Amino acid sequence: MAPRPPPPAPPGRALLELRGVALAFGGVRAIDEVSFEVRPGEVLALIGPNGAGKTSVLNVVTRIFDASAGEIVFEGRPIGQVPRERIAALGLARTFQNIELFEGATVLDNLLLGRHRFGHGRWWQQLLRTPAALAAEEASRAAVEELIEFLDLSAHRRSLVAGLPYGVRKVVELGRALATRPRLLFLDEPASGLNPEESRELAFWIDDIRCDLGVTVVMVEHDMSLVSAVADRVICMAQGRVLAEGTPAQVQSDERVVAAYLGGGVV
């Protein structure tokens, strides 16, 4: 049985809004006055050539970097000054371009780390192994076991991550992000390094995450076949700015997008 979906965002309100967001490193502007919104229940793809600022957008929203200007609003609340360690508790989770797992731990243990934000009672309750602490631990384990079944990871439950194929490790990282029970999930180049069959499986995972778990998804991706298969809406970035927005077909046929990808500059 899949985990229950998180509570939906209030009707009529964007789940996430970026308003004039900028990010500068010295004299280099990685993001330049970017504004867009993420709607509840959609799959939004951020595309664009290398260096366009896509991952930088994810980094400022998840508080890895502080935005140089602008406002980031999640569920009606500005989060630009929220401490980094509180982001997961707000309902945001992400994966990374380079897999970030504990390779010396099992799949089960890596997924249990995603439950850390829920806590297992006060320190003394954990030390004394009180009934409340044990019940919280049991609930976390049950939630993780549901995810293992949901993502078809049962055969790897007790396997060390270091010995798993790359594609399976990608799914484990996805599972750890889902273990935090997010309302908004960021996927940073989820198809990178996958073969065509694994990319097709990923498309099914993304659709199930949105439809079965009720999680809104924003993904940075270069694989346009995956984008076309799963994205409701696409935003193309170039040179740190939003270049075009629309359906996958609309954006791929936009002359400015074609020019940006072919190196002809922004029209």
C-alpha atoms as a PDB file:
ATOM      1  CA  MET A   1       0.000   0.000   0.000  1.00  0.00           C
ATOM      2  CA  ALA A   2       1.412   3.410  -0.966  1.00  0.00           C
ATOM      3  CA  PRO A   3       1.791   6.164   1.635  1.00  0.00           C
ATOM      4  CA  ARG A   4      -1.113   8.519   2.036  1.00  0.00           C
ATOM      5  CA  PRO A   5      -0.724  11.699  -0.023  1.00  0.00           C
ATOM      6  CA  PRO A   6       0.186  14.858   1.897  1.00  0.00           C
ATOM      7  CA  PRO A   7      -2.474  17.535   2.440  1.00  0.00           C
ATOM      8  CA  PRO A   8      -3.114  19.569  -0.710  1.00  0.00           C
ATOM      9  CA  ALA A   9      -2.262  23.238  -0.953  1.00  0.00           C
ATOM     10  CA  PRO A  10      -5.144  25.699  -0.450  1.00  0.00           C
ATOM     11  CA  PRO A  11      -7.276  25.966  -3.612  1.00  0.00           C
ATOM     12  CA  GLY A  12      -6.537  28.834  -5.969  1.00  0.00           C
ATOM     13  CA  ARG A  13      -3.017  29.397  -4.639  1.00  0.00           C
ATOM     14  CA  ALA A  14       0.271  28.583  -6.315  1.00  0.00           C
ATOM     15  CA  LEU A  15       2.222  26.007  -4.368  1.00  0.00           C
ATOM     16  CA  LEU A  16       5.516  27.801  -5.033  1.00  0.00           C
ATOM     17  CA  GLU A  17       6.227  31.279  -6.399  1.00  0.00           C
ATOM     18  CA  LEU A  18       9.506  32.845  -7.436  1.00  0.00           C
ATOM     19  CA  ARG A  19       9.315  36.622  -7.707  1.00  0.00           C
ATOM     20  CA  GLY A  20      12.256  38.367  -9.323  1.00  0.00           C
ATOM     21  CA  VAL A  21      14.756  35.916  -7.863  1.00  0.00           C
ATOM     22  CA  ALA A  22      18.452  36.516  -8.575  1.00  0.00           C
ATOM     23  CA  LEU A  23      21.630  34.714  -7.565  1.00  0.00           C
ATOM     24  CA  ALA A  24      25.064  36.219  -8.108  1.00  0.00           C
ATOM     25  CA  PHE A  25      28.546  34.891  -7.482  1.00  0.00           C
ATOM     26  CA  GLY A  26      30.772  37.945  -7.585  1.00  0.00           C
ATOM     27  CA  GLY A  27      30.055  39.557 -10.930  1.00  0.00           C
ATOM     28  CA  VAL A  28      28.433  36.435 -12.407  1.00  0.00           C
ATOM     29  CA  ARG A  29      24.639  36.255 -12.261  1.00  0.00           C
ATOM     30  CA  ALA A  30      23.623  32.593 -12.224  1.00  0.00           C
ATOM     31  CA  ILE A  31      19.948  33.614 -11.978  1.00  0.00           C
ATOM     32  CA  ASP A  32      18.710  36.954 -13.250  1.00  0.00           C
ATOM     33  CA  GLU A  33      15.240  38.192 -12.230  1.00  0.00           C
ATOM     34  CA  VAL A  34      13.519  34.809 -12.510  1.00  0.00           C
ATOM     35  CA  SER A  35       9.782  34.709 -11.845  1.00  0.00           C
ATOM     36  CA  PHE A  36       7.423  31.767 -12.235  1.00  0.00           C
ATOM     37  CA  GLU A  37       4.983  29.665 -10.217  1.00  0.00           C
ATOM     38  CA  VAL A  38       4.483  25.978  -9.565  1.00  0.00           C
ATOM     39  CA  ARG A  39       0.877  24.828  -9.486  1.00  0.00           C
ATOM     40  CA  PRO A  40      -0.384  22.153  -7.088  1.00  0.00           C
ATOM     41  CA  GLY A  41      -0.440  18.655  -8.594  1.00  0.00           C
ATOM     42  CA  GLU A  42       1.567  19.370 -11.749  1.00  0.00           C
ATOM     43  CA  VAL A  43       4.833  18.084 -13.147  1.00  0.00           C
ATOM     44  CA  LEU A  44       6.894  21.095 -14.199  1.00  0.00           C
ATOM     45  CA  ALA A  45      10.124  20.650 -16.168  1.00  0.00           C
ATOM     46  CA  LEU A  46      12.963  23.174 -16.223  1.00  0.00           C
ATOM     47  CA  ILE A  47      15.018  22.804 -19.382  1.00  0.00           C
ATOM     48  CA  GLY A  48      17.784  24.761 -21.038  1.00  0.00           C
ATOM     49  CA  PRO A  49      21.401  24.504 -22.125  1.00  0.00           C
ATOM     50  CA  ASN A  50      24.200  23.912 -19.631  1.00  0.00           C
ATOM     51  CA  GLY A  51      24.801  26.958 -17.459  1.00  0.00           C
ATOM     52  CA  ALA A  52      21.271  28.270 -17.942  1.00  0.00           C
ATOM     53  CA  GLY A  53      20.649  28.495 -14.174  1.00  0.00           C
ATOM     54  CA  LYS A  54      18.284  25.546 -13.750  1.00  0.00           C
ATOM     55  CA  THR A  55      20.042  23.838 -10.854  1.00  0.00           C
ATOM     56  CA  SER A  56      20.729  27.237  -9.300  1.00  0.00           C
ATOM     57  CA  VAL A  57      16.966  27.745  -9.085  1.00  0.00           C
ATOM     58  CA  LEU A  58      16.652  24.491  -7.140  1.00  0.00           C
ATOM     59  CA  ASN A  59      19.544  25.514  -4.917  1.00  0.00           C
ATOM     60  CA  VAL A  60      18.035  28.841  -3.888  1.00  0.00           C
ATOM     61  CA  VAL A  61      14.576  27.344  -3.263  1.00  0.00           C
ATOM     62  CA  THR A  62      15.988  24.559  -1.090  1.00  0.00           C
ATOM     63  CA  ARG A  63      18.229  27.098   0.690  1.00  0.00           C
ATOM     64  CA  ILE A  64      21.576  25.664  -0.355  1.00  0.00           C
ATOM     65  CA  PHE A  65      22.344  29.217  -1.541  1.00  0.00           C
ATOM     66  CA  ASP A  66      20.856  32.507  -0.393  1.00  0.00           C
ATOM     67  CA  ALA A  67      19.152  34.427  -3.185  1.00  0.00           C
ATOM     68  CA  SER A  68      20.769  37.773  -3.943  1.00  0.00           C
ATOM     69  CA  ALA A  69      17.399  39.384  -4.632  1.00  0.00           C
ATOM     70  CA  GLY A  70      13.724  38.557  -4.987  1.00  0.00           C
ATOM     71  CA  GLU A  71      11.251  36.518  -2.985  1.00  0.00           C
ATOM     72  CA  ILE A  72      10.500  32.795  -2.745  1.00  0.00           C
ATOM     73  CA  VAL A  73       7.043  31.897  -1.453  1.00  0.00           C
ATOM     74  CA  PHE A  74       5.948  28.348  -0.577  1.00  0.00           C
ATOM     75  CA  GLU A  75       2.284  27.792   0.280  1.00  0.00           C
ATOM     76  CA  GLY A  76       1.844  31.509   0.834  1.00  0.00           C
ATOM     77  CA  ARG A  77       4.833  31.802   3.169  1.00  0.00           C
ATOM     78  CA  PRO A  78       8.142  33.523   2.299  1.00  0.00           C
ATOM     79  CA  ILE A  79      10.926  30.999   2.846  1.00  0.00           C
ATOM     80  CA  GLY A  80      13.983  32.940   1.723  1.00  0.00           C
ATOM     81  CA  GLN A  81      15.216  33.269   5.306  1.00  0.00           C
ATOM     82  CA  VAL A  82      14.113  29.878   6.626  1.00  0.00           C
ATOM     83  CA  PRO A  83      17.084  27.965   8.110  1.00  0.00           C
ATOM     84  CA  ARG A  84      18.361  25.319   5.721  1.00  0.00           C
ATOM     85  CA  GLU A  85      17.729  22.498   8.179  1.00  0.00           C
ATOM     86  CA  ARG A  86      14.028  23.411   8.313  1.00  0.00           C
ATOM     87  CA  ILE A  87      13.333  23.106   4.581  1.00  0.00           C
ATOM     88  CA  ALA A  88      12.420  19.396   4.684  1.00  0.00           C
ATOM     89  CA  ALA A  89      10.004  20.046   7.546  1.00  0.00           C
ATOM     90  CA  LEU A  90       8.156  22.553   5.357  1.00  0.00           C
ATOM     91  CA  GLY A  91       7.397  19.829   2.811  1.00  0.00           C
ATOM     92  CA  LEU A  92      10.159  20.299   0.226  1.00  0.00           C
ATOM     93  CA  ALA A  93      12.545  17.522  -0.808  1.00  0.00           C
ATOM     94  CA  ARG A  94      15.041  17.000  -3.599  1.00  0.00           C
ATOM     95  CA  THR A  95      17.467  14.695  -5.333  1.00  0.00           C
ATOM     96  CA  PHE A  96      20.826  15.752  -6.770  1.00  0.00           C
ATOM     97  CA  GLN A  97      22.675  15.525 -10.077  1.00  0.00           C
ATOM     98  CA  ASN A  98      25.315  13.399  -8.356  1.00  0.00           C
ATOM     99  CA  ILE A  99      23.802  10.702  -6.158  1.00  0.00           C
ATOM    100  CA  GLU A 100      24.159  11.614  -2.471  1.00  0.00           C
ATOM    101  CA  LEU A 101      23.681   8.382  -0.499  1.00  0.00           C
ATOM    102  CA  PHE A 102      25.479   6.645   2.356  1.00  0.00           C
ATOM    103  CA  GLU A 103      27.115   3.893   0.351  1.00  0.00           C
ATOM    104  CA  GLY A 104      28.217   1.902   3.412  1.00  0.00           C
ATOM    105  CA  ALA A 105      24.606   1.648   4.635  1.00  0.00           C
ATOM    106  CA  THR A 106      21.751  -0.529   3.401  1.00  0.00           C
ATOM    107  CA  VAL A 107      18.864   0.619   1.258  1.00  0.00           C
ATOM    108  CA  LEU A 108      16.588   0.361   4.292  1.00  0.00           C
ATOM    109  CA  ASP A 109      18.879   2.530   6.422  1.00  0.00           C
ATOM    110  CA  ASN A 110      19.225   5.161   3.698  1.00  0.00           C
ATOM    111  CA  LEU A 111      15.456   5.447   3.414  1.00  0.00           C
ATOM    112  CA  LEU A 112      15.065   5.610   7.187  1.00  0.00           C
ATOM    113  CA  LEU A 113      17.277   8.701   7.143  1.00  0.00           C
ATOM    114  CA  GLY A 114      14.511  10.417   5.210  1.00  0.00           C
ATOM    115  CA  ARG A 115      12.260   9.952   8.237  1.00  0.00           C
ATOM    116  CA  HIS A 116      14.630  11.901  10.478  1.00  0.00           C
ATOM    117  CA  ARG A 117      12.531  15.079  10.275  1.00  0.00           C
ATOM    118  CA  PHE A 118       9.620  13.435  12.068  1.00  0.00           C
ATOM    119  CA  GLY A 119      11.625  12.710  15.222  1.00  0.00           C
ATOM    120  CA  HIS A 120      11.199   9.797  17.593  1.00  0.00           C
ATOM    121  CA  GLY A 121      10.459  11.600  20.831  1.00  0.00           C
ATOM    122  CA  ARG A 122      12.727  13.517  23.183  1.00  0.00           C
ATOM    123  CA  TRP A 123      16.309  12.405  23.758  1.00  0.00           C
ATOM    124  CA  TRP A 124      15.506  10.808  27.091  1.00  0.00           C
ATOM    125  CA  GLN A 125      12.592   8.885  25.580  1.00  0.00           C
ATOM    126  CA  GLN A 126      14.925   7.474  22.928  1.00  0.00           C
ATOM    127  CA  LEU A 127      17.573   6.704  25.551  1.00  0.00           C
ATOM    128  CA  LEU A 128      15.091   4.861  27.771  1.00  0.00           C
ATOM    129  CA  ARG A 129      13.308   3.263  24.795  1.00  0.00           C
ATOM    130  CA  THR A 130       9.925   4.390  26.067  1.00  0.00           C
ATOM    131  CA  PRO A 131       6.740   3.055  24.450  1.00  0.00           C
ATOM    132  CA  ALA A 132       6.237   6.408  22.689  1.00  0.00           C
ATOM    133  CA  ALA A 133       9.729   6.319  21.179  1.00  0.00           C
ATOM    134  CA  LEU A 134       9.334   2.694  20.098  1.00  0.00           C
ATOM    135  CA  ALA A 135       5.956   3.455  18.514  1.00  0.00           C
ATOM    136  CA  ALA A 136       7.462   6.369  16.552  1.00  0.00           C
ATOM    137  CA  GLU A 137      10.311   4.184  15.313  1.00  0.00           C
ATOM    138  CA  GLU A 138       7.858   1.491  14.291  1.00  0.00           C
ATOM    139  CA  ALA A 139       5.784   4.051  12.358  1.00  0.00           C
ATOM    140  CA  SER A 140       8.872   5.250  10.485  1.00  0.00           C
ATOM    141  CA  ARG A 141       9.871   1.707   9.595  1.00  0.00           C
ATOM    142  CA  ALA A 142       6.348   0.939   8.364  1.00  0.00           C
ATOM    143  CA  ALA A 143       6.360   4.082   6.190  1.00  0.00           C
ATOM    144  CA  VAL A 144       9.724   3.119   4.690  1.00  0.00           C
ATOM    145  CA  GLU A 145       8.587  -0.453   4.020  1.00  0.00           C
ATOM    146  CA  GLU A 146       5.625   0.957   2.087  1.00  0.00           C
ATOM    147  CA  LEU A 147       8.006   3.034  -0.020  1.00  0.00           C
ATOM    148  CA  ILE A 148      10.239   0.009  -0.634  1.00  0.00           C
ATOM    149  CA  GLU A 149       7.230  -1.848  -1.982  1.00  0.00           C
ATOM    150  CA  PHE A 150       6.030   1.189  -3.935  1.00  0.00           C
ATOM    151  CA  LEU A 151       9.410   1.586  -5.686  1.00  0.00           C
ATOM    152  CA  ASP A 152       9.998  -2.163  -6.209  1.00  0.00           C
ATOM    153  CA  LEU A 153      13.080  -2.154  -3.988  1.00  0.00           C
ATOM    154  CA  SER A 154      12.156  -5.246  -1.961  1.00  0.00           C
ATOM    155  CA  ALA A 155      14.963  -7.333  -3.475  1.00  0.00           C
ATOM    156  CA  HIS A 156      17.502  -4.709  -2.349  1.00  0.00           C
ATOM    157  CA  ARG A 157      16.139  -3.939   1.120  1.00  0.00           C
ATOM    158  CA  ARG A 158      19.203  -5.278   2.993  1.00  0.00           C
ATOM    159  CA  SER A 159      21.778  -4.589   0.256  1.00  0.00           C
ATOM    160  CA  LEU A 160      24.579  -2.091   0.764  1.00  0.00           C
ATOM    161  CA  VAL A 161      24.158   0.868  -1.562  1.00  0.00           C
ATOM    162  CA  ALA A 162      27.794   0.626  -2.706  1.00  0.00           C
ATOM    163  CA  GLY A 163      27.090  -2.703  -4.425  1.00  0.00           C
ATOM    164  CA  LEU A 164      23.975  -1.637  -6.307  1.00  0.00           C
ATOM    165  CA  PRO A 165      23.735  -0.724 -10.010  1.00  0.00           C
ATOM    166  CA  TYR A 166      23.615   2.980 -10.780  1.00  0.00           C
ATOM    167  CA  GLY A 167      19.969   2.906 -11.850  1.00  0.00           C
ATOM    168  CA  VAL A 168      18.889   1.255  -8.594  1.00  0.00           C
ATOM    169  CA  ARG A 169      20.824   3.831  -6.568  1.00  0.00           C
ATOM    170  CA  LYS A 170      18.910   6.546  -8.405  1.00  0.00           C
ATOM    171  CA  VAL A 171      15.655   4.951  -7.233  1.00  0.00           C
ATOM    172  CA  VAL A 172      16.982   4.691  -3.662  1.00  0.00           C
ATOM    173  CA  GLU A 173      17.766   8.412  -3.619  1.00  0.00           C
ATOM    174  CA  LEU A 174      14.277   9.078  -4.944  1.00  0.00           C
ATOM    175  CA  GLY A 175      12.869   6.909  -2.150  1.00  0.00           C
ATOM    176  CA  ARG A 176      14.824   8.762   0.524  1.00  0.00           C
ATOM    177  CA  ALA A 177      13.393  12.070  -0.712  1.00  0.00           C
ATOM    178  CA  LEU A 178       9.870  10.607  -0.672  1.00  0.00           C
ATOM    179  CA  ALA A 179      10.406   9.321   2.879  1.00  0.00           C
ATOM    180  CA  THR A 180      10.299  12.932   4.076  1.00  0.00           C
ATOM    181  CA  ARG A 181       6.623  13.057   2.924  1.00  0.00           C
ATOM    182  CA  PRO A 182       7.109  16.124   0.692  1.00  0.00           C
ATOM    183  CA  ARG A 183       4.417  18.220  -0.890  1.00  0.00           C
ATOM    184  CA  LEU A 184       6.883  19.464  -3.491  1.00  0.00           C
ATOM    185  CA  LEU A 185       9.659  17.257  -4.888  1.00  0.00           C
ATOM    186  CA  PHE A 186      12.609  18.586  -6.893  1.00  0.00           C
ATOM    187  CA  LEU A 187      14.415  16.151  -9.194  1.00  0.00           C
ATOM    188  CA  ASP A 188      17.765  17.368 -10.515  1.00  0.00           C
ATOM    189  CA  GLU A 189      18.496  15.556 -13.803  1.00  0.00           C
ATOM    190  CA  PRO A 190      16.836  12.294 -12.693  1.00  0.00           C
ATOM    191  CA  ALA A 191      17.502  10.577 -16.045  1.00  0.00           C
ATOM    192  CA  SER A 192      21.219  11.402 -16.086  1.00  0.00           C
ATOM    193  CA  GLY A 193      23.238   8.207 -16.508  1.00  0.00           C
ATOM    194  CA  LEU A 194      20.200   5.985 -17.091  1.00  0.00           C
ATOM    195  CA  ASN A 195      19.749   3.741 -20.104  1.00  0.00           C
ATOM    196  CA  PRO A 196      16.597   4.081 -22.270  1.00  0.00           C
ATOM    197  CA  GLU A 197      14.747   1.323 -20.398  1.00  0.00           C
ATOM    198  CA  GLU A 198      15.521   2.885 -17.014  1.00  0.00           C
ATOM    199  CA  SER A 199      14.403   6.283 -18.329  1.00  0.00           C
ATOM    200  CA  ARG A 200      11.064   4.793 -19.367  1.00  0.00           C
ATOM    201  CA  GLU A 201      10.665   3.273 -15.903  1.00  0.00           C
ATOM    202  CA  LEU A 202      11.467   6.668 -14.386  1.00  0.00           C
ATOM    203  CA  ALA A 203       8.601   8.193 -16.355  1.00  0.00           C
ATOM    204  CA  PHE A 204       6.224   5.721 -14.687  1.00  0.00           C
ATOM    205  CA  TRP A 205       7.680   6.534 -11.244  1.00  0.00           C
ATOM    206  CA  ILE A 206       7.162  10.253 -11.745  1.00  0.00           C
ATOM    207  CA  ASP A 207       3.593   9.736 -12.896  1.00  0.00           C
ATOM    208  CA  ASP A 208       2.862   7.470  -9.914  1.00  0.00           C
ATOM    209  CA  ILE A 209       4.436   9.948  -7.489  1.00  0.00           C
ATOM    210  CA  ARG A 210       2.143  12.663  -8.764  1.00  0.00           C
ATOM    211  CA  CYS A 211      -1.015  10.579  -9.154  1.00  0.00           C
ATOM    212  CA  ASP A 212      -0.740   8.044  -6.297  1.00  0.00           C
ATOM    213  CA  LEU A 213       1.169  10.039  -3.681  1.00  0.00           C
ATOM    214  CA  GLY A 214      -0.227  13.468  -4.535  1.00  0.00           C
ATOM    215  CA  VAL A 215       3.222  15.056  -4.749  1.00  0.00           C
ATOM    216  CA  THR A 216       3.903  18.021  -7.030  1.00  0.00           C
ATOM    217  CA  VAL A 217       7.109  17.544  -9.045  1.00  0.00           C
ATOM    218  CA  VAL A 218       9.610  20.017 -10.482  1.00  0.00           C
ATOM    219  CA  MET A 219      12.421  18.445 -12.461  1.00  0.00           C
ATOM    220  CA  VAL A 220      15.532  19.756 -14.181  1.00  0.00           C
ATOM    221  CA  GLU A 221      16.078  17.555 -17.206  1.00  0.00           C
ATOM    222  CA  HIS A 222      17.910  17.384 -20.546  1.00  0.00           C
ATOM    223  CA  ASP A 223      16.153  14.223 -21.784  1.00  0.00           C
ATOM    224  CA  MET A 224      13.366  15.715 -23.879  1.00  0.00           C
ATOM    225  CA  SER A 225      11.693  12.350 -24.427  1.00  0.00           C
ATOM    226  CA  LEU A 226      11.202  12.098 -20.655  1.00  0.00           C
ATOM    227  CA  VAL A 227      10.058  15.718 -20.469  1.00  0.00           C
ATOM    228  CA  SER A 228       7.517  15.150 -23.236  1.00  0.00           C
ATOM    229  CA  ALA A 229       6.246  11.991 -21.528  1.00  0.00           C
ATOM    230  CA  VAL A 230       5.640  13.361 -18.026  1.00  0.00           C
ATOM    231  CA  ALA A 231       5.634  17.176 -17.931  1.00  0.00           C
ATOM    232  CA  ASP A 232       2.415  19.163 -17.911  1.00  0.00           C
ATOM    233  CA  ARG A 233       4.330  22.395 -18.380  1.00  0.00           C
ATOM    234  CA  VAL A 234       7.866  23.331 -19.393  1.00  0.00           C
ATOM    235  CA  ILE A 235       9.960  26.391 -18.601  1.00  0.00           C
ATOM    236  CA  CYS A 236      13.062  26.922 -20.698  1.00  0.00           C
ATOM    237  CA  MET A 237      15.885  28.962 -19.184  1.00  0.00           C
ATOM    238  CA  ALA A 238      18.895  30.543 -20.861  1.00  0.00           C
ATOM    239  CA  GLN A 239      21.591  32.795 -19.443  1.00  0.00           C
ATOM    240  CA  GLY A 240      19.907  32.787 -16.036  1.00  0.00           C
ATOM    241  CA  ARG A 241      16.526  33.970 -17.295  1.00  0.00           C
ATOM    242  CA  VAL A 242      13.175  32.433 -18.227  1.00  0.00           C
ATOM    243  CA  LEU A 243      13.144  32.229 -22.008  1.00  0.00           C
ATOM    244  CA  ALA A 244       9.885  30.423 -22.791  1.00  0.00           C
ATOM    245  CA  GLU A 245       7.009  28.683 -21.009  1.00  0.00           C
ATOM    246  CA  GLY A 246       4.244  26.369 -22.198  1.00  0.00           C
ATOM    247  CA  THR A 247       3.473  22.769 -23.013  1.00  0.00           C
ATOM    248  CA  PRO A 248       6.388  20.537 -24.079  1.00  0.00           C
ATOM    249  CA  ALA A 249       5.384  20.866 -27.730  1.00  0.00           C
ATOM    250  CA  GLN A 250       5.017  24.648 -27.537  1.00  0.00           C
ATOM    251  CA  VAL A 251       8.396  25.156 -25.903  1.00  0.00           C
ATOM    252  CA  GLN A 252      10.280  22.769 -28.192  1.00  0.00           C
ATOM    253  CA  SER A 253       8.961  24.571 -31.260  1.00  0.00           C
ATOM    254  CA  ASP A 254       9.769  28.066 -29.925  1.00  0.00           C
ATOM    255  CA  GLU A 255      12.398  29.733 -32.126  1.00  0.00           C
ATOM    256  CA  ARG A 256      14.107  31.296 -29.103  1.00  0.00           C
ATOM    257  CA  VAL A 257      14.498  27.876 -27.496  1.00  0.00           C
ATOM    258  CA  VAL A 258      15.908  26.371 -30.671  1.00  0.00           C
ATOM    259  CA  ALA A 259      18.378  29.244 -30.949  1.00  0.00           C
ATOM    260  CA  ALA A 260      19.483  28.852 -27.324  1.00  0.00           C
ATOM    261  CA  TYR A 261      20.128  25.127 -27.707  1.00  0.00           C
ATOM    262  CA  LEU A 262      21.938  25.510 -31.026  1.00  0.00           C
ATOM    263  CA  GLY A 263      24.200  28.224 -29.647  1.00  0.00           C
ATOM    264  CA  GLY A 264      22.675  31.042 -31.636  1.00  0.00           C
ATOM    265  CA  GLY A 265      22.036  33.142 -28.554  1.00  0.00           C
ATOM    266  CA  VAL A 266      18.719  34.393 -27.225  1.00  0.00           C
ATOM    267  CA  VAL A 267      16.484  35.867 -29.898  1.00  0.00           C
END
